[in-house]
C-alpha atoms as a PDB file:
ATOM      1  CA  MET A   1     263.812 -14.479 224.345  1.00  0.00           C
ATOM      2  CA  GLN A   2     266.531 -17.161 224.406  1.00  0.00           C
ATOM      3  CA  LYS A   3     268.290 -15.458 221.472  1.00  0.00           C
ATOM      4  CA  HIS A   4     268.124 -12.106 223.306  1.00  0.00           C
ATOM      5  CA  GLN A   5     269.571 -13.615 226.474  1.00  0.00           C
ATOM      6  CA  LYS A   6     272.538 -15.166 224.536  1.00  0.00           C
ATOM      7  CA  GLN A   7     273.326 -11.759 223.077  1.00  0.00           C
ATOM      8  CA  GLU A   8     273.381 -10.174 226.531  1.00  0.00           C
ATOM      9  CA  ASN A   9     275.421 -12.889 228.274  1.00  0.00           C
ATOM     10  CA  PRO A  10     278.825 -12.057 226.641  1.00  0.00           C
ATOM     11  CA  GLN A  11     278.800  -8.553 228.048  1.00  0.00           C
ATOM     12  CA  PRO A  12     279.510  -9.544 231.691  1.00  0.00           C
ATOM     13  CA  ARG A  13     282.275 -11.879 230.489  1.00  0.00           C
ATOM     14  CA  ASN A  14     283.982  -9.018 228.614  1.00  0.00           C
ATOM     15  CA  GLU A  15     283.752  -6.794 231.645  1.00  0.00           C
ATOM     16  CA  ASP A  16     285.249  -9.574 233.777  1.00  0.00           C
ATOM     17  CA  ASP A  17     288.140  -9.964 231.292  1.00  0.00           C
ATOM     18  CA  VAL A  18     288.846  -6.250 231.346  1.00  0.00           C
ATOM     19  CA  THR A  19     288.815  -6.256 235.148  1.00  0.00           C
ATOM     20  CA  SER A  20     291.103  -9.257 235.212  1.00  0.00           C
ATOM     21  CA  ARG A  21     293.570  -7.610 232.837  1.00  0.00           C
ATOM     22  CA  GLU A  22     293.532  -4.468 234.952  1.00  0.00           C
ATOM     23  CA  THR A  23     294.202  -6.542 238.130  1.00  0.00           C
ATOM     24  CA  VAL A  24     297.156  -8.264 236.438  1.00  0.00           C
ATOM     25  CA  GLY A  25     298.571  -4.953 235.259  1.00  0.00           C
ATOM     26  CA  GLN A  26     298.206  -3.498 238.720  1.00  0.00           C
ATOM     27  CA  ARG A  27     300.000  -6.501 240.195  1.00  0.00           C
ATOM     28  CA  ILE A  28     302.868  -6.103 237.751  1.00  0.00           C
ATOM     29  CA  GLU A  29     303.250  -2.442 238.618  1.00  0.00           C
ATOM     30  CA  GLU A  30     303.106  -3.182 242.348  1.00  0.00           C
ATOM     31  CA  ASP A  31     305.770  -5.884 241.993  1.00  0.00           C
ATOM     32  CA  ALA A  32     307.973  -3.464 239.955  1.00  0.00           C
ATOM     33  CA  GLU A  33     307.568  -0.845 242.676  1.00  0.00           C
ATOM     34  CA  ASN A  34     308.585  -3.352 245.369  1.00  0.00           C
ATOM     35  CA  VAL A  35     311.684  -4.340 243.396  1.00  0.00           C
ATOM     36  CA  VAL A  36     312.775  -0.697 242.957  1.00  0.00           C
ATOM     37  CA  GLU A  37     312.052   0.117 246.572  1.00  0.00           C
ATOM     38  CA  GLU A  38     313.990  -2.871 247.851  1.00  0.00           C
ATOM     39  CA  ALA A  39     316.963  -1.962 245.613  1.00  0.00           C
ATOM     40  CA  GLN A  40     316.846   1.620 246.863  1.00  0.00           C
ATOM     41  CA  GLU A  41     316.771   0.457 250.510  1.00  0.00           C
ATOM     42  CA  GLU A  42     319.651  -1.952 250.000  1.00  0.00           C
ATOM     43  CA  VAL A  43     321.714   0.711 248.283  1.00  0.00           C
ATOM     44  CA  ALA A  44     320.872   3.239 251.014  1.00  0.00           C
ATOM     45  CA  ALA A  45     321.888   0.789 253.725  1.00  0.00           C
ATOM     46  CA  SER A  46     325.176   0.094 251.976  1.00  0.00           C
ATOM     47  CA  ARG A  47     326.281   3.710 251.669  1.00  0.00           C
ATOM     48  CA  ARG A  48     329.391   4.715 253.621  1.00  0.00           C
ATOM     49  CA  PRO A  49     329.162   7.650 256.009  1.00  0.00           C
ATOM     50  CA  TRP A  50     330.144  10.876 254.312  1.00  0.00           C
ATOM     51  CA  TYR A  51     333.411  11.346 256.205  1.00  0.00           C
ATOM     52  CA  GLN A  52     334.587   7.864 255.103  1.00  0.00           C
ATOM     53  CA  THR A  53     333.616   8.568 251.480  1.00  0.00           C
ATOM     54  CA  ARG A  54     335.592  11.838 251.522  1.00  0.00           C
ATOM     55  CA  ARG A  55     338.678  10.169 252.973  1.00  0.00           C
ATOM     56  CA  TRP A  56     338.746   7.487 250.317  1.00  0.00           C
ATOM     57  CA  GLY A  57     338.065  10.031 247.563  1.00  0.00           C
ATOM     58  CA  GLY A  58     340.901  12.281 248.811  1.00  0.00           C
ATOM     59  CA  THR A  59     343.353   9.402 248.606  1.00  0.00           C
ATOM     60  CA  LEU A  60     342.365   8.584 245.085  1.00  0.00           C
ATOM     61  CA  LEU A  61     342.632  12.192 244.006  1.00  0.00           C
ATOM     62  CA  LEU A  62     346.232  12.335 245.255  1.00  0.00           C
ATOM     63  CA  VAL A  63     347.062   9.369 243.051  1.00  0.00           C
ATOM     64  CA  TYR A  64     345.585  11.107 240.010  1.00  0.00           C
ATOM     65  CA  VAL A  65     347.807  14.201 240.526  1.00  0.00           C
ATOM     66  CA  VAL A  66     350.851  11.943 240.250  1.00  0.00           C
ATOM     67  CA  LEU A  67     349.381  10.433 237.071  1.00  0.00           C
ATOM     68  CA  ILE A  68     349.194  13.859 235.433  1.00  0.00           C
ATOM     69  CA  ILE A  69     352.929  14.355 235.704  1.00  0.00           C
ATOM     70  CA  LEU A  70     353.805  10.842 234.526  1.00  0.00           C
ATOM     71  CA  PHE A  71     351.506  11.128 231.519  1.00  0.00           C
ATOM     72  CA  GLY A  72     353.095  14.380 230.364  1.00  0.00           C
ATOM     73  CA  ILE A  73     356.578  12.865 230.455  1.00  0.00           C
ATOM     74  CA  LEU A  74     355.442   9.718 228.513  1.00  0.00           C
ATOM     75  CA  ALA A  75     353.452  11.695 225.929  1.00  0.00           C
ATOM     76  CA  TRP A  76     356.539  13.837 225.054  1.00  0.00           C
ATOM     77  CA  GLY A  77     358.734  10.728 224.839  1.00  0.00           C
ATOM     78  CA  VAL A  78     356.588   8.928 222.274  1.00  0.00           C
ATOM     79  CA  TYR A  79     356.109  12.146 220.312  1.00  0.00           C
ATOM     80  CA  VAL A  80     359.858  12.418 219.908  1.00  0.00           C
ATOM     81  CA  HIS A  81     360.442   8.663 219.364  1.00  0.00           C
ATOM     82  CA  PRO A  82     357.366   6.984 217.802  1.00  0.00           C
ATOM     83  CA  VAL A  83     358.983   3.531 217.872  1.00  0.00           C
ATOM     84  CA  LEU A  84     360.695   2.537 221.108  1.00  0.00           C
ATOM     85  CA  ALA A  85     362.855  -0.633 221.406  1.00  0.00           C
ATOM     86  CA  PRO A  86     361.356  -1.553 224.796  1.00  0.00           C
ATOM     87  CA  ASP A  87     357.831  -1.484 223.237  1.00  0.00           C
ATOM     88  CA  VAL A  88     358.869  -3.963 220.509  1.00  0.00           C
ATOM     89  CA  THR A  89     360.565  -6.247 223.014  1.00  0.00           C
ATOM     90  CA  ILE A  90     357.610  -6.280 225.442  1.00  0.00           C
ATOM     91  CA  THR A  91     355.198  -7.074 222.583  1.00  0.00           C
ATOM     92  CA  HIS A  92     357.373 -10.033 221.504  1.00  0.00           C
ATOM     93  CA  VAL A  93     357.342 -11.359 225.051  1.00  0.00           C
ATOM     94  CA  PHE A  94     353.538 -11.003 225.279  1.00  0.00           C
ATOM     95  CA  GLN A  95     353.036 -12.784 221.936  1.00  0.00           C
ATOM     96  CA  GLU A  96     355.258 -15.787 222.690  1.00  0.00           C
ATOM     97  CA  ASN A  97     352.290 -17.668 224.080  1.00  0.00           C
ATOM     98  CA  GLN A  98     349.943 -18.269 221.117  1.00  0.00           C
ATOM     99  CA  SER A  99     347.640 -20.720 222.798  1.00  0.00           C
ATOM    100  CA  PRO A 100     343.998 -20.624 221.522  1.00  0.00           C
ATOM    101  CA  LEU A 101     342.698 -20.157 225.029  1.00  0.00           C
ATOM    102  CA  LEU A 102     344.856 -17.080 225.712  1.00  0.00           C
ATOM    103  CA  ARG A 103     344.067 -15.601 222.340  1.00  0.00           C
ATOM    104  CA  THR A 104     340.347 -16.092 222.857  1.00  0.00           C
ATOM    105  CA  ALA A 105     340.504 -14.534 226.316  1.00  0.00           C
ATOM    106  CA  MET A 106     342.400 -11.491 225.025  1.00  0.00           C
ATOM    107  CA  LEU A 107     339.887 -11.018 222.202  1.00  0.00           C
ATOM    108  CA  ALA A 108     337.010 -11.345 224.580  1.00  0.00           C
ATOM    109  CA  VAL A 109     338.388  -8.693 226.896  1.00  0.00           C
ATOM    110  CA  SER A 110     338.758  -6.242 224.046  1.00  0.00           C
ATOM    111  CA  ALA A 111     335.438  -7.139 222.421  1.00  0.00           C
ATOM    112  CA  ILE A 112     333.437  -4.564 224.405  1.00  0.00           C
ATOM    113  CA  GLY A 113     335.573  -1.715 223.092  1.00  0.00           C
ATOM    114  CA  ASP A 114     335.507  -3.070 219.544  1.00  0.00           C
ATOM    115  CA  ILE A 115     331.737  -2.649 219.288  1.00  0.00           C
ATOM    116  CA  GLN A 116     330.753   1.000 219.790  1.00  0.00           C
ATOM    117  CA  VAL A 117     327.049   0.268 220.090  1.00  0.00           C
ATOM    118  CA  LEU A 118     327.782  -2.185 222.875  1.00  0.00           C
ATOM    119  CA  SER A 119     330.020   0.261 224.750  1.00  0.00           C
ATOM    120  CA  ALA A 120     327.469   3.084 224.485  1.00  0.00           C
ATOM    121  CA  GLY A 121     324.715   0.718 225.529  1.00  0.00           C
ATOM    122  CA  LEU A 122     326.524  -0.318 228.665  1.00  0.00           C
ATOM    123  CA  VAL A 123     327.041   3.307 229.647  1.00  0.00           C
ATOM    124  CA  VAL A 124     323.317   4.082 229.154  1.00  0.00           C
ATOM    125  CA  LEU A 125     322.303   0.901 230.999  1.00  0.00           C
ATOM    126  CA  ALA A 126     324.542   1.627 234.005  1.00  0.00           C
ATOM    127  CA  ALA A 127     323.327   5.208 234.176  1.00  0.00           C
ATOM    128  CA  ALA A 128     319.725   4.026 234.055  1.00  0.00           C
ATOM    129  CA  ILE A 129     320.228   1.531 236.867  1.00  0.00           C
ATOM    130  CA  PHE A 130     321.851   4.124 239.065  1.00  0.00           C
ATOM    131  CA  TRP A 131     319.061   6.583 238.289  1.00  0.00           C
ATOM    132  CA  LEU A 132     316.360   3.987 239.208  1.00  0.00           C
ATOM    133  CA  VAL A 133     317.902   3.306 242.572  1.00  0.00           C
ATOM    134  CA  ASP A 134     317.853   7.113 243.257  1.00  0.00           C
ATOM    135  CA  LEU A 135     321.550   7.728 242.695  1.00  0.00           C
ATOM    136  CA  ARG A 136     320.986  10.461 240.114  1.00  0.00           C
ATOM    137  CA  LEU A 137     324.247  12.319 240.546  1.00  0.00           C
ATOM    138  CA  GLU A 138     326.132   9.108 240.065  1.00  0.00           C
ATOM    139  CA  ALA A 139     324.153   8.336 236.906  1.00  0.00           C
ATOM    140  CA  ILE A 140     325.095  11.680 235.429  1.00  0.00           C
ATOM    141  CA  MET A 141     328.688  11.128 236.335  1.00  0.00           C
ATOM    142  CA  ILE A 142     328.755   7.843 234.461  1.00  0.00           C
ATOM    143  CA  VAL A 143     327.742   9.575 231.228  1.00  0.00           C
ATOM    144  CA  ALA A 144     329.927  12.607 231.767  1.00  0.00           C
ATOM    145  CA  VAL A 145     333.112  10.630 232.441  1.00  0.00           C
ATOM    146  CA  SER A 146     332.569   8.400 229.367  1.00  0.00           C
ATOM    147  CA  VAL A 147     332.041  11.452 227.140  1.00  0.00           C
ATOM    148  CA  MET A 148     335.084  13.283 228.544  1.00  0.00           C
ATOM    149  CA  SER A 149     337.197  10.214 228.037  1.00  0.00           C
ATOM    150  CA  GLY A 150     336.271  10.022 224.331  1.00  0.00           C
ATOM    151  CA  ILE A 151     337.071  13.715 223.809  1.00  0.00           C
ATOM    152  CA  LEU A 152     340.463  13.491 225.523  1.00  0.00           C
ATOM    153  CA  ASP A 153     341.397  10.325 223.589  1.00  0.00           C
ATOM    154  CA  ALA A 154     340.605  11.982 220.223  1.00  0.00           C
ATOM    155  CA  LEU A 155     342.442  15.222 221.217  1.00  0.00           C
ATOM    156  CA  ILE A 156     345.687  13.560 222.404  1.00  0.00           C
ATOM    157  CA  LYS A 157     345.701  11.090 219.448  1.00  0.00           C
ATOM    158  CA  SER A 158     345.610  14.023 217.015  1.00  0.00           C
ATOM    159  CA  LEU A 159     348.341  15.953 218.854  1.00  0.00           C
ATOM    160  CA  VAL A 160     350.794  13.071 219.244  1.00  0.00           C
ATOM    161  CA  ALA A 161     349.897  11.347 215.932  1.00  0.00           C
ATOM    162  CA  ARG A 162     351.797   8.152 216.743  1.00  0.00           C
ATOM    163  CA  PRO A 163     351.496   5.306 214.188  1.00  0.00           C
ATOM    164  CA  ARG A 164     350.276   1.916 215.294  1.00  0.00           C
ATOM    165  CA  PRO A 165     352.403  -1.227 215.422  1.00  0.00           C
ATOM    166  CA  THR A 166     353.125  -2.725 211.991  1.00  0.00           C
ATOM    167  CA  ALA A 167     353.305  -6.293 210.829  1.00  0.00           C
ATOM    168  CA  HIS A 168     357.056  -6.194 210.094  1.00  0.00           C
ATOM    169  CA  LEU A 169     357.718  -5.420 213.806  1.00  0.00           C
ATOM    170  CA  VAL A 170     355.065  -7.513 215.653  1.00  0.00           C
ATOM    171  CA  ASP A 171     352.194  -9.920 215.005  1.00  0.00           C
ATOM    172  CA  ILE A 172     348.971  -8.113 214.257  1.00  0.00           C
ATOM    173  CA  ILE A 173     346.236 -10.383 215.620  1.00  0.00           C
ATOM    174  CA  SER A 174     343.539  -7.759 215.777  1.00  0.00           C
ATOM    175  CA  ALA A 175     344.052  -4.918 213.276  1.00  0.00           C
ATOM    176  CA  ALA A 176     343.045  -1.366 214.294  1.00  0.00           C
ATOM    177  CA  THR A 177     342.944   1.955 212.526  1.00  0.00           C
ATOM    178  CA  GLY A 178     343.841   5.485 213.485  1.00  0.00           C
ATOM    179  CA  ASN A 179     346.608   6.860 215.692  1.00  0.00           C
ATOM    180  CA  SER A 180     348.086   4.707 218.421  1.00  0.00           C
ATOM    181  CA  PHE A 181     348.760   6.924 221.455  1.00  0.00           C
ATOM    182  CA  PRO A 182     346.928   6.601 223.804  1.00  0.00           C
ATOM    183  CA  SER A 183     344.887   3.354 223.626  1.00  0.00           C
ATOM    184  CA  GLY A 184     341.197   4.217 223.173  1.00  0.00           C
ATOM    185  CA  HIS A 185     340.164   0.839 224.636  1.00  0.00           C
ATOM    186  CA  VAL A 186     342.084   1.493 227.814  1.00  0.00           C
ATOM    187  CA  MET A 187     340.810   5.043 228.048  1.00  0.00           C
ATOM    188  CA  SER A 188     337.132   4.005 227.792  1.00  0.00           C
ATOM    189  CA  TYR A 189     337.588   1.060 230.151  1.00  0.00           C
ATOM    190  CA  VAL A 190     339.276   3.162 232.832  1.00  0.00           C
ATOM    191  CA  ALA A 191     336.641   5.846 232.461  1.00  0.00           C
ATOM    192  CA  PHE A 192     333.558   3.588 232.621  1.00  0.00           C
ATOM    193  CA  TRP A 193     334.620   0.456 234.529  1.00  0.00           C
ATOM    194  CA  GLY A 194     337.098   2.459 236.615  1.00  0.00           C
ATOM    195  CA  LEU A 195     334.294   4.758 237.727  1.00  0.00           C
ATOM    196  CA  LEU A 196     332.063   1.842 238.625  1.00  0.00           C
ATOM    197  CA  PHE A 197     334.888   0.323 240.654  1.00  0.00           C
ATOM    198  CA  SER A 198     335.418   3.678 242.355  1.00  0.00           C
ATOM    199  CA  PHE A 199     331.752   3.900 243.268  1.00  0.00           C
ATOM    200  CA  GLY A 200     331.806   0.372 244.596  1.00  0.00           C
ATOM    201  CA  LEU A 201     334.856   1.224 246.673  1.00  0.00           C
ATOM    202  CA  ILE A 202     334.202   4.676 248.101  1.00  0.00           C
ATOM    203  CA  LEU A 203     330.369   4.874 247.973  1.00  0.00           C
ATOM    204  CA  PHE A 204     329.240   1.464 249.321  1.00  0.00           C
ATOM    205  CA  LYS A 205     330.166  -0.770 252.198  1.00  0.00           C
ATOM    206  CA  GLY A 206     329.453  -4.311 253.264  1.00  0.00           C
ATOM    207  CA  HIS A 207     329.690  -7.613 251.426  1.00  0.00           C
ATOM    208  CA  SER A 208     326.549  -7.628 249.252  1.00  0.00           C
ATOM    209  CA  TRP A 209     326.779  -9.926 246.262  1.00  0.00           C
ATOM    210  CA  TRP A 210     326.188  -7.063 243.784  1.00  0.00           C
ATOM    211  CA  ARG A 211     328.967  -4.909 245.286  1.00  0.00           C
ATOM    212  CA  ILE A 212     331.467  -7.831 245.222  1.00  0.00           C
ATOM    213  CA  THR A 213     330.445  -8.618 241.662  1.00  0.00           C
ATOM    214  CA  LEU A 214     330.777  -4.983 240.611  1.00  0.00           C
ATOM    215  CA  LEU A 215     334.261  -4.746 242.096  1.00  0.00           C
ATOM    216  CA  ILE A 216     335.508  -7.956 240.635  1.00  0.00           C
ATOM    217  CA  VAL A 217     334.147  -7.492 237.046  1.00  0.00           C
ATOM    218  CA  SER A 218     335.056  -3.849 236.766  1.00  0.00           C
ATOM    219  CA  GLY A 219     338.513  -4.368 238.292  1.00  0.00           C
ATOM    220  CA  LEU A 220     339.378  -7.310 236.047  1.00  0.00           C
ATOM    221  CA  LEU A 221     338.323  -5.537 232.916  1.00  0.00           C
ATOM    222  CA  VAL A 222     340.392  -2.437 233.725  1.00  0.00           C
ATOM    223  CA  VAL A 223     343.484  -4.541 234.588  1.00  0.00           C
ATOM    224  CA  LEU A 224     343.234  -6.904 231.588  1.00  0.00           C
ATOM    225  CA  VAL A 225     342.320  -4.590 228.770  1.00  0.00           C
ATOM    226  CA  GLY A 226     345.825  -3.061 228.607  1.00  0.00           C
ATOM    227  CA  PRO A 227     347.683  -6.407 228.179  1.00  0.00           C
ATOM    228  CA  SER A 228     345.067  -7.555 225.713  1.00  0.00           C
ATOM    229  CA  ARG A 229     345.791  -4.591 223.416  1.00  0.00           C
ATOM    230  CA  VAL A 230     349.493  -5.286 223.456  1.00  0.00           C
ATOM    231  CA  TYR A 231     349.035  -9.036 222.919  1.00  0.00           C
ATOM    232  CA  LEU A 232     346.725  -8.402 219.963  1.00  0.00           C
ATOM    233  CA  GLY A 233     349.298  -6.099 218.309  1.00  0.00           C
ATOM    234  CA  ALA A 234     346.888  -3.131 218.294  1.00  0.00           C
ATOM    235  CA  HIS A 235     348.985  -0.940 220.560  1.00  0.00           C
ATOM    236  CA  TRP A 236     352.436  -0.466 222.055  1.00  0.00           C
ATOM    237  CA  THR A 237     352.987  -0.838 225.766  1.00  0.00           C
ATOM    238  CA  SER A 238     353.610   2.877 226.122  1.00  0.00           C
ATOM    239  CA  ASP A 239     350.225   3.515 224.463  1.00  0.00           C
ATOM    240  CA  VAL A 240     348.613   1.383 227.126  1.00  0.00           C
ATOM    241  CA  LEU A 241     350.510   3.026 229.984  1.00  0.00           C
ATOM    242  CA  GLY A 242     349.645   6.488 228.645  1.00  0.00           C
ATOM    243  CA  ALA A 243     346.016   5.573 228.412  1.00  0.00           C
ATOM    244  CA  TYR A 244     345.937   4.309 231.971  1.00  0.00           C
ATOM    245  CA  MET A 245     347.457   7.607 233.126  1.00  0.00           C
ATOM    246  CA  LEU A 246     345.254   9.799 231.017  1.00  0.00           C
ATOM    247  CA  GLY A 247     342.166   7.773 231.843  1.00  0.00           C
ATOM    248  CA  GLY A 248     343.160   8.164 235.519  1.00  0.00           C
ATOM    249  CA  VAL A 249     343.421  11.903 235.156  1.00  0.00           C
ATOM    250  CA  CYS A 250     339.957  12.104 233.537  1.00  0.00           C
ATOM    251  CA  LEU A 251     338.550   9.883 236.253  1.00  0.00           C
ATOM    252  CA  GLY A 252     340.272  11.907 238.941  1.00  0.00           C
ATOM    253  CA  ILE A 253     338.820  15.204 237.746  1.00  0.00           C
ATOM    254  CA  TRP A 254     335.328  13.894 237.677  1.00  0.00           C
ATOM    255  CA  LEU A 255     335.633  12.199 241.031  1.00  0.00           C
ATOM    256  CA  TRP A 256     336.708  15.519 242.477  1.00  0.00           C
ATOM    257  CA  ILE A 257     333.690  17.158 240.902  1.00  0.00           C
ATOM    258  CA  TYR A 258     331.449  14.343 242.108  1.00  0.00           C
ATOM    259  CA  LEU A 259     332.727  14.540 245.688  1.00  0.00           C
ATOM    260  CA  TYR A 260     332.299  18.280 245.711  1.00  0.00           C
ATOM    261  CA  LEU A 261     328.694  18.103 244.402  1.00  0.00           C
ATOM    262  CA  ARG A 262     327.839  15.243 246.742  1.00  0.00           C
ATOM    263  CA  GLY A 263     329.173  17.234 249.711  1.00  0.00           C
ATOM    264  CA  LYS A 264     326.876  20.092 248.667  1.00  0.00           C
ATOM    265  CA  GLY A 265     323.909  17.740 248.544  1.00  0.00           C
ATOM    266  CA  VAL A 266     323.332  18.124 244.749  1.00  0.00           C
ATOM    267  CA  LEU A 267     320.819  15.562 243.483  1.00  0.00           C
ATOM    268  CA  ALA A 268     320.936  13.840 246.822  1.00  0.00           C
ATOM    269  CA  PRO A 269     318.699  10.729 247.257  1.00  0.00           C
ATOM    270  CA  ARG A 270     315.093  11.740 247.966  1.00  0.00           C
ATOM    271  CA  PRO A 271     312.987  10.615 250.967  1.00  0.00           C
ATOM    272  CA  SER A 272     310.225   9.395 248.709  1.00  0.00           C
ATOM    273  CA  LYS A 273     310.682   6.240 246.642  1.00  0.00           C
ATOM    274  CA  SER A 274     310.935   6.469 242.897  1.00  0.00           C
ATOM    275  CA  ARG A 275     307.999   5.395 240.758  1.00  0.00           C
ATOM    276  CA  ARG A 276     309.525   6.070 237.336  1.00  0.00           C
ATOM    277  CA  ILE A 277     309.713   2.428 236.351  1.00  0.00           C
ATOM    278  CA  GLN A 278     305.908   2.289 236.008  1.00  0.00           C
ATOM    279  CA  LYS A 279     305.901   4.128 232.708  1.00  0.00           C
ATOM    280  CA  TYR A 280     308.102   1.472 231.190  1.00  0.00           C
ATOM    281  CA  LEU A 281     305.738  -1.308 232.198  1.00  0.00           C
ATOM    282  CA  LYS A 282     302.459   0.225 231.090  1.00  0.00           C
END
């Protein structure tokens, strides 16, 4: 009888363990739901009224029209004269300061663009975050702008076919291959980080820590990537300027599309809260 009771006693313990694990799993799912819901509520509370968003977007689109004209002029100029004296002079001025701190900073700014897996991963991560907080249209725009930027960069590079800076003209701190005009780093940074900056500027309001962080980080990366490419000897200044212009054009087109679709209510935030994060936790 004692032996029979010992054999039966473990069964309740096993059932208790299973119940305990299920309870922990449910708590994790509930906590995840609360995090997503709080994020969605904070994002929704931070959205600008539609008329304010349209006004800011219209101002940006006007700037992008000007960039189209300037880019066309610059692209023709570097096609006719691949090596420009002002480019060489500016690079020499940039490279006069060879302090280890400055060199490390310039390498760090360009590092994201040097690693394609990291660049693609950031795009996917940003799109996933926007999707989780129920900004589905914005998530799609992040991917679309990045893809369009890569296509335009490859197309213009093949058409202009400008050679990169050489060692007998400037110091090559970070060697790069392929054609030089426009700068692919600057193109991708303007497309991705520029779009995030635009979303932070025209879509949200207030002084939330995440909005301020988004604006500062994205803004700094867009501004610094151009000088870093010149300093490292990977591009001419005109390559960088052309990339800023072409990247701005790409960004402007997609912002126009985004504002149009948003005005039509395409993929507008839903009343119900998202539960999609549960499948990643189970």
